Amino acid sequence: MRISAIEPSGSLVMKRSPEIETGFFAPCFKLYWPRERFRLLDWNIDRGLKLGGILEFLESANADLILLQEVDLHARRTPQRNIAREIAQKLQMNYVFGREFQELTQGSRNSLAYHGQATLSRWPLSDPRILRFRRQSNFWKPHWFLPDVEPFQERLGGRMALVTELNLGGRKLASYNLHLESRGDDTIRCAQLGECLNDVRGFRSDTALVIAGDFNLDMSRSSAAHVMAQVGFRSTAAMNPAQTQPSRFLFERGRTIDWIFLRGPVREANFTVHSSVFASDHFPLSVIVNLT
């Protein structure tokens, strides 16, 4: 493991691979105390464009495990900030950031720009890795006939799940922080979700598992929900959720595309869609998780 930076606070930031950055900001006395109940929060934060409002809500939510999608790193639209690290520092949490795309219209020669997923925790995060889906859309790839300007949003990379493992004071939990394709039809999204479920087979059946994120798919109306149930996952929303993305246009309905699924020795309570929070183009989701 290569040390890449030491924060002014004294916390250590390390990079495990060119695509993964990790940092440790949780107070040491909180790292290893056993927990059988914790709050899980999932949110697509729309790059972190409204970082002040995002931090305000996250501080008030007091979550123990946070899964974020569309998190910027060194992009012009979020003044070259490291959004994941700033959130982790503010909340005093450990974090892992995985690069989903290099944003070709957001960086410069001296500072490349990315966005991806970030997982934050009050406890140690271990064995982070990126599950890059084999099935991808060609929509985001750069084309010679498109100018290199922001509206065309040209990118290198691909949709993925950020996989991490947590030590909850001696109890193990694995999380899949995923972002499925937003373009095309549900066929590609279901294929990407299938790759995620195939990867889950590498964990013992008694391991607590979380699959959460921006599915870009209404699971309550998709056959994918049946596939999830077949391999033991259940929705914390009981397949009857509220809209998780507000309408963008006057006569457009909001969408239900963000989900939290659990499997293994865990039970959920108090699932909430925080529809009064407008710091992103998605609403945050939270749930209380009990290790059984």
C-alpha atoms as a PDB file:
ATOM      1  CA  MET A   1       0.000   0.000   0.000  1.00  0.00           C
ATOM      2  CA  ARG A   2       1.417   3.383  -0.996  1.00  0.00           C
ATOM      3  CA  ILE A   3       0.965   6.448   1.198  1.00  0.00           C
ATOM      4  CA  SER A   4      -0.154   9.352  -0.988  1.00  0.00           C
ATOM      5  CA  ALA A   5      -0.843  12.151   1.477  1.00  0.00           C
ATOM      6  CA  ILE A   6      -0.953  13.146   5.111  1.00  0.00           C
ATOM      7  CA  GLU A   7      -3.861  15.413   6.013  1.00  0.00           C
ATOM      8  CA  PRO A   8      -3.210  18.477   8.210  1.00  0.00           C
ATOM      9  CA  SER A   9      -5.322  16.856  10.927  1.00  0.00           C
ATOM     10  CA  GLY A  10      -2.867  13.998  11.054  1.00  0.00           C
ATOM     11  CA  SER A  11      -5.238  11.510   9.458  1.00  0.00           C
ATOM     12  CA  LEU A  12      -3.744   9.200   6.899  1.00  0.00           C
ATOM     13  CA  VAL A  13      -4.939   9.070   3.280  1.00  0.00           C
ATOM     14  CA  MET A  14      -3.829   6.120   1.185  1.00  0.00           C
ATOM     15  CA  LYS A  15      -4.377   4.897  -2.346  1.00  0.00           C
ATOM     16  CA  ARG A  16      -4.753   1.145  -2.786  1.00  0.00           C
ATOM     17  CA  SER A  17      -4.867   1.328  -6.596  1.00  0.00           C
ATOM     18  CA  PRO A  18      -5.040   3.976  -9.305  1.00  0.00           C
ATOM     19  CA  GLU A  19      -8.851   3.745  -9.153  1.00  0.00           C
ATOM     20  CA  ILE A  20      -9.388   3.640  -5.377  1.00  0.00           C
ATOM     21  CA  GLU A  21      -8.629   6.212  -2.694  1.00  0.00           C
ATOM     22  CA  THR A  22      -9.074   5.582   1.020  1.00  0.00           C
ATOM     23  CA  GLY A  23      -8.859   7.841   4.054  1.00  0.00           C
ATOM     24  CA  PHE A  24      -9.219   7.453   7.805  1.00  0.00           C
ATOM     25  CA  PHE A  25     -10.828  10.205   9.870  1.00  0.00           C
ATOM     26  CA  ALA A  26     -12.917   8.306  12.449  1.00  0.00           C
ATOM     27  CA  PRO A  27     -11.769   8.762  16.066  1.00  0.00           C
ATOM     28  CA  CYS A  28      -9.840   5.700  17.155  1.00  0.00           C
ATOM     29  CA  PHE A  29     -11.984   5.065  20.232  1.00  0.00           C
ATOM     30  CA  LYS A  30     -15.013   4.443  17.977  1.00  0.00           C
ATOM     31  CA  LEU A  31     -13.421   1.985  15.605  1.00  0.00           C
ATOM     32  CA  TYR A  32     -13.790  -1.303  17.418  1.00  0.00           C
ATOM     33  CA  TRP A  33     -16.742  -0.969  19.773  1.00  0.00           C
ATOM     34  CA  PRO A  34     -19.280  -3.726  18.991  1.00  0.00           C
ATOM     35  CA  ARG A  35     -22.538  -2.703  17.335  1.00  0.00           C
ATOM     36  CA  GLU A  36     -25.669  -4.721  16.751  1.00  0.00           C
ATOM     37  CA  ARG A  37     -27.716  -1.769  15.461  1.00  0.00           C
ATOM     38  CA  PHE A  38     -26.683   1.035  13.120  1.00  0.00           C
ATOM     39  CA  ARG A  39     -28.086   3.562  10.659  1.00  0.00           C
ATOM     40  CA  LEU A  40     -27.415   3.047   6.941  1.00  0.00           C
ATOM     41  CA  LEU A  41     -27.850   5.888   4.456  1.00  0.00           C
ATOM     42  CA  ASP A  42     -27.787   5.778   0.650  1.00  0.00           C
ATOM     43  CA  TRP A  43     -27.767   8.866  -1.604  1.00  0.00           C
ATOM     44  CA  ASN A  44     -26.924   9.957  -5.131  1.00  0.00           C
ATOM     45  CA  ILE A  45     -25.533  13.438  -4.354  1.00  0.00           C
ATOM     46  CA  ASP A  46     -25.452  14.805  -7.936  1.00  0.00           C
ATOM     47  CA  ARG A  47     -21.663  15.331  -7.967  1.00  0.00           C
ATOM     48  CA  GLY A  48     -21.728  17.282  -4.718  1.00  0.00           C
ATOM     49  CA  LEU A  49     -22.855  20.475  -6.448  1.00  0.00           C
ATOM     50  CA  LYS A  50     -24.739  21.575  -3.312  1.00  0.00           C
ATOM     51  CA  LEU A  51     -22.100  20.458  -0.845  1.00  0.00           C
ATOM     52  CA  GLY A  52     -23.266  22.772   1.940  1.00  0.00           C
ATOM     53  CA  GLY A  53     -26.772  21.308   1.920  1.00  0.00           C
ATOM     54  CA  ILE A  54     -25.399  17.769   1.602  1.00  0.00           C
ATOM     55  CA  LEU A  55     -23.195  18.191   4.662  1.00  0.00           C
ATOM     56  CA  GLU A  56     -26.003  19.817   6.623  1.00  0.00           C
ATOM     57  CA  PHE A  57     -28.295  16.836   6.058  1.00  0.00           C
ATOM     58  CA  LEU A  58     -25.593  14.199   6.622  1.00  0.00           C
ATOM     59  CA  GLU A  59     -24.588  15.768   9.925  1.00  0.00           C
ATOM     60  CA  SER A  60     -28.197  15.765  11.102  1.00  0.00           C
ATOM     61  CA  ALA A  61     -28.811  12.189   9.867  1.00  0.00           C
ATOM     62  CA  ASN A  62     -26.032  10.820  12.093  1.00  0.00           C
ATOM     63  CA  ALA A  63     -25.605   7.715   9.933  1.00  0.00           C
ATOM     64  CA  ASP A  64     -22.979   5.069  10.709  1.00  0.00           C
ATOM     65  CA  LEU A  65     -22.579   3.714   7.163  1.00  0.00           C
ATOM     66  CA  ILE A  66     -23.089   5.975   4.126  1.00  0.00           C
ATOM     67  CA  LEU A  67     -23.142   4.938   0.463  1.00  0.00           C
ATOM     68  CA  LEU A  68     -22.893   7.830  -2.013  1.00  0.00           C
ATOM     69  CA  GLN A  69     -23.098   7.888  -5.804  1.00  0.00           C
ATOM     70  CA  GLU A  70     -22.055  10.602  -8.301  1.00  0.00           C
ATOM     71  CA  VAL A  71     -19.238  11.967  -6.161  1.00  0.00           C
ATOM     72  CA  ASP A  72     -16.823  14.387  -7.849  1.00  0.00           C
ATOM     73  CA  LEU A  73     -13.033  14.444  -7.643  1.00  0.00           C
ATOM     74  CA  HIS A  74     -11.158  17.505  -8.981  1.00  0.00           C
ATOM     75  CA  ALA A  75     -13.941  18.544 -11.375  1.00  0.00           C
ATOM     76  CA  ARG A  76     -14.410  22.155 -12.468  1.00  0.00           C
ATOM     77  CA  ARG A  77     -18.144  22.095 -11.707  1.00  0.00           C
ATOM     78  CA  THR A  78     -17.333  21.414  -8.029  1.00  0.00           C
ATOM     79  CA  PRO A  79     -14.251  23.729  -7.952  1.00  0.00           C
ATOM     80  CA  GLN A  80     -11.619  20.911  -8.110  1.00  0.00           C
ATOM     81  CA  ARG A  81     -12.692  19.614  -4.681  1.00  0.00           C
ATOM     82  CA  ASN A  82     -12.249  16.091  -3.361  1.00  0.00           C
ATOM     83  CA  ILE A  83     -15.893  15.712  -2.352  1.00  0.00           C
ATOM     84  CA  ALA A  84     -15.569  12.294  -0.699  1.00  0.00           C
ATOM     85  CA  ARG A  85     -12.638  13.347   1.462  1.00  0.00           C
ATOM     86  CA  GLU A  86     -14.274  16.621   2.504  1.00  0.00           C
ATOM     87  CA  ILE A  87     -17.430  14.816   3.588  1.00  0.00           C
ATOM     88  CA  ALA A  88     -15.431  12.180   5.487  1.00  0.00           C
ATOM     89  CA  GLN A  89     -13.373  14.831   7.261  1.00  0.00           C
ATOM     90  CA  LYS A  90     -16.445  16.833   8.232  1.00  0.00           C
ATOM     91  CA  LEU A  91     -18.297  13.763   9.554  1.00  0.00           C
ATOM     92  CA  GLN A  92     -15.153  12.206  11.100  1.00  0.00           C
ATOM     93  CA  MET A  93     -15.599   8.960   9.190  1.00  0.00           C
ATOM     94  CA  ASN A  94     -13.393   6.598   7.215  1.00  0.00           C
ATOM     95  CA  TYR A  95     -13.976   6.491   3.468  1.00  0.00           C
ATOM     96  CA  VAL A  96     -13.279   4.647   0.243  1.00  0.00           C
ATOM     97  CA  PHE A  97     -13.716   6.370  -3.113  1.00  0.00           C
ATOM     98  CA  GLY A  98     -13.833   4.450  -6.401  1.00  0.00           C
ATOM     99  CA  ARG A  99     -13.545   6.099  -9.809  1.00  0.00           C
ATOM    100  CA  GLU A 100     -16.463   5.353 -12.101  1.00  0.00           C
ATOM    101  CA  PHE A 101     -15.621   7.762 -14.942  1.00  0.00           C
ATOM    102  CA  GLN A 102     -12.885  10.151 -15.921  1.00  0.00           C
ATOM    103  CA  GLU A 103     -14.766  13.331 -16.826  1.00  0.00           C
ATOM    104  CA  LEU A 104     -13.000  14.541 -19.962  1.00  0.00           C
ATOM    105  CA  THR A 105     -14.756  17.922 -20.028  1.00  0.00           C
ATOM    106  CA  GLN A 106     -14.158  18.692 -16.343  1.00  0.00           C
ATOM    107  CA  GLY A 107     -10.399  18.394 -15.913  1.00  0.00           C
ATOM    108  CA  SER A 108      -7.206  19.861 -17.283  1.00  0.00           C
ATOM    109  CA  ARG A 109      -3.773  18.640 -18.345  1.00  0.00           C
ATOM    110  CA  ASN A 110      -2.463  19.127 -14.838  1.00  0.00           C
ATOM    111  CA  SER A 111      -5.489  17.827 -12.933  1.00  0.00           C
ATOM    112  CA  LEU A 112      -7.673  15.022 -14.252  1.00  0.00           C
ATOM    113  CA  ALA A 113     -11.291  14.973 -13.096  1.00  0.00           C
ATOM    114  CA  TYR A 114     -13.361  11.970 -12.040  1.00  0.00           C
ATOM    115  CA  HIS A 115     -16.628  11.013 -10.483  1.00  0.00           C
ATOM    116  CA  GLY A 116     -17.640   7.793  -8.810  1.00  0.00           C
ATOM    117  CA  GLN A 117     -18.917   6.178  -5.645  1.00  0.00           C
ATOM    118  CA  ALA A 118     -17.894   6.746  -2.034  1.00  0.00           C
ATOM    119  CA  THR A 119     -18.539   4.551   0.997  1.00  0.00           C
ATOM    120  CA  LEU A 120     -18.101   6.104   4.447  1.00  0.00           C
ATOM    121  CA  SER A 121     -18.110   4.321   7.798  1.00  0.00           C
ATOM    122  CA  ARG A 122     -17.476   4.924  11.481  1.00  0.00           C
ATOM    123  CA  TRP A 123     -15.598   1.590  11.528  1.00  0.00           C
ATOM    124  CA  PRO A 124     -12.688   0.145   9.548  1.00  0.00           C
ATOM    125  CA  LEU A 125     -13.278  -0.438   5.833  1.00  0.00           C
ATOM    126  CA  SER A 126     -11.249  -3.262   4.327  1.00  0.00           C
ATOM    127  CA  ASP A 127     -10.633  -5.032   1.009  1.00  0.00           C
ATOM    128  CA  PRO A 128     -12.101  -2.291  -1.216  1.00  0.00           C
ATOM    129  CA  ARG A 129     -12.408  -3.174  -4.879  1.00  0.00           C
ATOM    130  CA  ILE A 130     -14.230  -2.082  -7.996  1.00  0.00           C
ATOM    131  CA  LEU A 131     -16.580  -4.448  -9.764  1.00  0.00           C
ATOM    132  CA  ARG A 132     -16.552  -2.909 -13.249  1.00  0.00           C
ATOM    133  CA  PHE A 133     -19.505  -4.279 -15.176  1.00  0.00           C
ATOM    134  CA  ARG A 134     -18.704  -6.084 -18.413  1.00  0.00           C
ATOM    135  CA  ARG A 135     -21.968  -4.902 -19.956  1.00  0.00           C
ATOM    136  CA  GLN A 136     -21.685  -1.173 -20.651  1.00  0.00           C
ATOM    137  CA  SER A 137     -23.388   1.472 -22.751  1.00  0.00           C
ATOM    138  CA  ASN A 138     -21.363   3.176 -25.469  1.00  0.00           C
ATOM    139  CA  PHE A 139     -23.207   6.428 -24.863  1.00  0.00           C
ATOM    140  CA  TRP A 140     -20.494   8.052 -22.731  1.00  0.00           C
ATOM    141  CA  LYS A 141     -17.498   7.193 -24.894  1.00  0.00           C
ATOM    142  CA  PRO A 142     -15.802  10.116 -26.643  1.00  0.00           C
ATOM    143  CA  HIS A 143     -16.474  10.487 -30.369  1.00  0.00           C
ATOM    144  CA  TRP A 144     -14.382  12.388 -32.880  1.00  0.00           C
ATOM    145  CA  PHE A 145     -17.389  14.374 -34.123  1.00  0.00           C
ATOM    146  CA  LEU A 146     -18.310  15.745 -30.666  1.00  0.00           C
ATOM    147  CA  PRO A 147     -16.514  18.813 -29.268  1.00  0.00           C
ATOM    148  CA  ASP A 148     -14.741  18.436 -25.941  1.00  0.00           C
ATOM    149  CA  VAL A 149     -17.162  20.652 -24.026  1.00  0.00           C
ATOM    150  CA  GLU A 150     -19.291  20.103 -20.940  1.00  0.00           C
ATOM    151  CA  PRO A 151     -22.789  19.539 -22.400  1.00  0.00           C
ATOM    152  CA  PHE A 152     -21.637  16.388 -24.199  1.00  0.00           C
ATOM    153  CA  GLN A 153     -20.279  14.862 -20.964  1.00  0.00           C
ATOM    154  CA  GLU A 154     -17.711  12.605 -22.644  1.00  0.00           C
ATOM    155  CA  ARG A 155     -16.131  10.068 -20.306  1.00  0.00           C
ATOM    156  CA  LEU A 156     -13.709   7.192 -19.967  1.00  0.00           C
ATOM    157  CA  GLY A 157     -14.577   4.301 -17.664  1.00  0.00           C
ATOM    158  CA  GLY A 158     -17.827   2.491 -16.980  1.00  0.00           C
ATOM    159  CA  ARG A 159     -20.599   1.744 -14.520  1.00  0.00           C
ATOM    160  CA  MET A 160     -19.544  -0.219 -11.474  1.00  0.00           C
ATOM    161  CA  ALA A 161     -20.157  -1.362  -7.927  1.00  0.00           C
ATOM    162  CA  LEU A 162     -17.766  -0.298  -5.158  1.00  0.00           C
ATOM    163  CA  VAL A 163     -17.339  -3.302  -2.870  1.00  0.00           C
ATOM    164  CA  THR A 164     -16.101  -2.911   0.702  1.00  0.00           C
ATOM    165  CA  GLU A 165     -16.092  -4.970   3.884  1.00  0.00           C
ATOM    166  CA  LEU A 166     -16.677  -3.608   7.383  1.00  0.00           C
ATOM    167  CA  ASN A 167     -15.612  -4.801  10.775  1.00  0.00           C
ATOM    168  CA  LEU A 168     -18.444  -3.824  13.136  1.00  0.00           C
ATOM    169  CA  GLY A 169     -16.586  -4.589  16.312  1.00  0.00           C
ATOM    170  CA  GLY A 170     -16.034  -8.216  15.362  1.00  0.00           C
ATOM    171  CA  ARG A 171     -19.093  -8.583  13.109  1.00  0.00           C
ATOM    172  CA  LYS A 172     -18.531  -8.640   9.341  1.00  0.00           C
ATOM    173  CA  LEU A 173     -20.674  -6.838   6.765  1.00  0.00           C
ATOM    174  CA  ALA A 174     -20.030  -6.467   3.030  1.00  0.00           C
ATOM    175  CA  SER A 175     -21.513  -3.607   1.017  1.00  0.00           C
ATOM    176  CA  TYR A 176     -22.050  -3.147  -2.721  1.00  0.00           C
ATOM    177  CA  ASN A 177     -22.379   0.547  -3.566  1.00  0.00           C
ATOM    178  CA  LEU A 178     -23.654   0.460  -7.120  1.00  0.00           C
ATOM    179  CA  HIS A 179     -24.627   2.792  -9.943  1.00  0.00           C
ATOM    180  CA  LEU A 180     -26.392   1.129 -12.864  1.00  0.00           C
ATOM    181  CA  GLU A 181     -26.589   2.542 -16.381  1.00  0.00           C
ATOM    182  CA  SER A 182     -28.891   5.506 -16.940  1.00  0.00           C
ATOM    183  CA  ARG A 183     -29.048   5.164 -20.726  1.00  0.00           C
ATOM    184  CA  GLY A 184     -30.818   2.549 -22.816  1.00  0.00           C
ATOM    185  CA  ASP A 185     -33.520   0.208 -21.570  1.00  0.00           C
ATOM    186  CA  ASP A 186     -33.757  -2.024 -18.515  1.00  0.00           C
ATOM    187  CA  THR A 187     -31.993  -4.896 -20.288  1.00  0.00           C
ATOM    188  CA  ILE A 188     -28.535  -3.441 -19.673  1.00  0.00           C
ATOM    189  CA  ARG A 189     -29.382  -2.523 -16.066  1.00  0.00           C
ATOM    190  CA  CYS A 190     -30.625  -6.026 -15.319  1.00  0.00           C
ATOM    191  CA  ALA A 191     -27.460  -7.469 -16.881  1.00  0.00           C
ATOM    192  CA  GLN A 192     -25.278  -5.254 -14.664  1.00  0.00           C
ATOM    193  CA  LEU A 193     -27.279  -6.218 -11.585  1.00  0.00           C
ATOM    194  CA  GLY A 194     -26.845  -9.868 -12.557  1.00  0.00           C
ATOM    195  CA  GLU A 195     -23.067  -9.398 -12.573  1.00  0.00           C
ATOM    196  CA  CYS A 196     -23.315  -7.990  -9.068  1.00  0.00           C
ATOM    197  CA  LEU A 197     -25.346 -10.982  -7.872  1.00  0.00           C
ATOM    198  CA  ASN A 198     -22.833 -13.372  -9.422  1.00  0.00           C
ATOM    199  CA  ASP A 199     -20.063 -11.626  -7.493  1.00  0.00           C
ATOM    200  CA  VAL A 200     -22.008 -12.006  -4.232  1.00  0.00           C
ATOM    201  CA  ARG A 201     -21.558 -15.767  -4.519  1.00  0.00           C
ATOM    202  CA  GLY A 202     -18.020 -15.268  -3.245  1.00  0.00           C
ATOM    203  CA  PHE A 203     -19.376 -14.529   0.253  1.00  0.00           C
ATOM    204  CA  ARG A 204     -20.628 -17.100   2.733  1.00  0.00           C
ATOM    205  CA  SER A 205     -24.404 -17.326   3.035  1.00  0.00           C
ATOM    206  CA  ASP A 206     -24.231 -16.177   6.671  1.00  0.00           C
ATOM    207  CA  THR A 207     -22.366 -12.938   5.826  1.00  0.00           C
ATOM    208  CA  ALA A 208     -24.411  -9.769   6.261  1.00  0.00           C
ATOM    209  CA  LEU A 209     -24.702  -8.083   2.853  1.00  0.00           C
ATOM    210  CA  VAL A 210     -25.941  -4.726   1.584  1.00  0.00           C
ATOM    211  CA  ILE A 211     -26.625  -3.889  -2.066  1.00  0.00           C
ATOM    212  CA  ALA A 212     -27.660  -0.255  -2.393  1.00  0.00           C
ATOM    213  CA  GLY A 213     -27.387   2.665  -4.733  1.00  0.00           C
ATOM    214  CA  ASP A 214     -28.814   4.256  -7.846  1.00  0.00           C
ATOM    215  CA  PHE A 215     -30.351   1.385  -9.822  1.00  0.00           C
ATOM    216  CA  ASN A 216     -31.880   3.689 -12.478  1.00  0.00           C
ATOM    217  CA  LEU A 217     -34.606   1.059 -12.345  1.00  0.00           C
ATOM    218  CA  ASP A 218     -37.941   0.748 -10.566  1.00  0.00           C
ATOM    219  CA  MET A 219     -37.397  -2.621  -8.921  1.00  0.00           C
ATOM    220  CA  SER A 220     -41.036  -2.836  -7.863  1.00  0.00           C
ATOM    221  CA  ARG A 221     -41.962  -3.032 -11.569  1.00  0.00           C
ATOM    222  CA  SER A 222     -39.095  -5.229 -12.732  1.00  0.00           C
ATOM    223  CA  SER A 223     -38.508  -8.963 -12.877  1.00  0.00           C
ATOM    224  CA  ALA A 224     -35.104  -8.195 -11.351  1.00  0.00           C
ATOM    225  CA  ALA A 225     -36.817  -8.021  -7.955  1.00  0.00           C
ATOM    226  CA  HIS A 226     -37.734 -11.706  -8.270  1.00  0.00           C
ATOM    227  CA  VAL A 227     -34.119 -12.564  -9.090  1.00  0.00           C
ATOM    228  CA  MET A 228     -32.944 -10.628  -6.026  1.00  0.00           C
ATOM    229  CA  ALA A 229     -35.420 -12.534  -3.845  1.00  0.00           C
ATOM    230  CA  GLN A 230     -34.265 -15.868  -5.261  1.00  0.00           C
ATOM    231  CA  VAL A 231     -30.741 -15.254  -3.956  1.00  0.00           C
ATOM    232  CA  GLY A 232     -31.992 -14.078  -0.574  1.00  0.00           C
ATOM    233  CA  PHE A 233     -32.101 -10.283  -0.872  1.00  0.00           C
ATOM    234  CA  ARG A 234     -35.081  -8.289   0.366  1.00  0.00           C
ATOM    235  CA  SER A 235     -35.917  -4.653  -0.171  1.00  0.00           C
ATOM    236  CA  THR A 236     -35.931  -2.428   2.889  1.00  0.00           C
ATOM    237  CA  ALA A 237     -38.753  -0.509   1.180  1.00  0.00           C
ATOM    238  CA  ALA A 238     -40.947  -3.665   1.102  1.00  0.00           C
ATOM    239  CA  MET A 239     -41.324  -3.108  -2.660  1.00  0.00           C
ATOM    240  CA  ASN A 240     -43.785  -0.264  -2.033  1.00  0.00           C
ATOM    241  CA  PRO A 241     -41.496   2.770  -1.858  1.00  0.00           C
ATOM    242  CA  ALA A 242     -42.013   6.476  -2.321  1.00  0.00           C
ATOM    243  CA  GLN A 243     -40.429   8.304  -5.236  1.00  0.00           C
ATOM    244  CA  THR A 244     -36.686   8.734  -4.757  1.00  0.00           C
ATOM    245  CA  GLN A 245     -36.075  11.246  -7.548  1.00  0.00           C
ATOM    246  CA  PRO A 246     -38.303  14.328  -7.816  1.00  0.00           C
ATOM    247  CA  SER A 247     -39.858  15.327 -11.123  1.00  0.00           C
ATOM    248  CA  ARG A 248     -37.619  17.500 -13.273  1.00  0.00           C
ATOM    249  CA  PHE A 249     -40.332  18.966 -15.497  1.00  0.00           C
ATOM    250  CA  LEU A 250     -43.830  20.305 -14.914  1.00  0.00           C
ATOM    251  CA  PHE A 251     -45.805  17.296 -16.142  1.00  0.00           C
ATOM    252  CA  GLU A 252     -43.209  14.614 -15.355  1.00  0.00           C
ATOM    253  CA  ARG A 253     -43.687  12.185 -12.515  1.00  0.00           C
ATOM    254  CA  GLY A 254     -40.898  11.516 -10.071  1.00  0.00           C
ATOM    255  CA  ARG A 255     -39.089   8.169 -10.272  1.00  0.00           C
ATOM    256  CA  THR A 256     -38.371   5.347  -7.850  1.00  0.00           C
ATOM    257  CA  ILE A 257     -34.847   4.302  -8.790  1.00  0.00           C
ATOM    258  CA  ASP A 258     -32.789   4.269  -5.555  1.00  0.00           C
ATOM    259  CA  TRP A 259     -32.905   1.127  -3.404  1.00  0.00           C
ATOM    260  CA  ILE A 260     -31.405  -0.618  -0.387  1.00  0.00           C
ATOM    261  CA  PHE A 261     -31.407  -4.439  -0.282  1.00  0.00           C
ATOM    262  CA  LEU A 262     -30.204  -6.644   2.586  1.00  0.00           C
ATOM    263  CA  ARG A 263     -29.277 -10.304   2.938  1.00  0.00           C
ATOM    264  CA  GLY A 264     -28.065 -12.515   5.747  1.00  0.00           C
ATOM    265  CA  PRO A 265     -28.276 -12.111   9.529  1.00  0.00           C
ATOM    266  CA  VAL A 266     -29.730  -8.586   9.420  1.00  0.00           C
ATOM    267  CA  ARG A 267     -33.151  -7.055   9.938  1.00  0.00           C
ATOM    268  CA  GLU A 268     -34.317  -3.594   8.937  1.00  0.00           C
ATOM    269  CA  ALA A 269     -36.534  -0.980  10.542  1.00  0.00           C
ATOM    270  CA  ASN A 270     -37.659   2.600   9.933  1.00  0.00           C
ATOM    271  CA  PHE A 271     -36.963   2.788   6.193  1.00  0.00           C
ATOM    272  CA  THR A 272     -37.298   6.444   5.167  1.00  0.00           C
ATOM    273  CA  VAL A 273     -37.170   8.424   1.930  1.00  0.00           C
ATOM    274  CA  HIS A 274     -36.126  11.936   2.997  1.00  0.00           C
ATOM    275  CA  SER A 275     -38.266  13.769   0.438  1.00  0.00           C
ATOM    276  CA  SER A 276     -37.847  17.152   2.116  1.00  0.00           C
ATOM    277  CA  VAL A 277     -34.116  17.258   1.271  1.00  0.00           C
ATOM    278  CA  PHE A 278     -33.341  19.082  -1.991  1.00  0.00           C
ATOM    279  CA  ALA A 279     -29.538  19.191  -1.921  1.00  0.00           C
ATOM    280  CA  SER A 280     -29.435  16.785  -4.899  1.00  0.00           C
ATOM    281  CA  ASP A 281     -31.628  15.590  -7.759  1.00  0.00           C
ATOM    282  CA  HIS A 282     -32.206  12.398  -5.702  1.00  0.00           C
ATOM    283  CA  PHE A 283     -33.645  12.042  -2.216  1.00  0.00           C
ATOM    284  CA  PRO A 284     -31.571  10.313   0.490  1.00  0.00           C
ATOM    285  CA  LEU A 285     -32.713   6.922   1.807  1.00  0.00           C
ATOM    286  CA  SER A 286     -32.037   5.670   5.328  1.00  0.00           C
ATOM    287  CA  VAL A 287     -32.785   2.538   7.329  1.00  0.00           C
ATOM    288  CA  ILE A 288     -31.945   1.117  10.727  1.00  0.00           C
ATOM    289  CA  VAL A 289     -30.073  -2.192  10.376  1.00  0.00           C
ATOM    290  CA  ASN A 290     -30.049  -4.754  13.186  1.00  0.00           C
ATOM    291  CA  LEU A 291     -27.445  -7.521  13.163  1.00  0.00           C
ATOM    292  CA  THR A 292     -29.176 -10.707  14.326  1.00  0.00           C
END
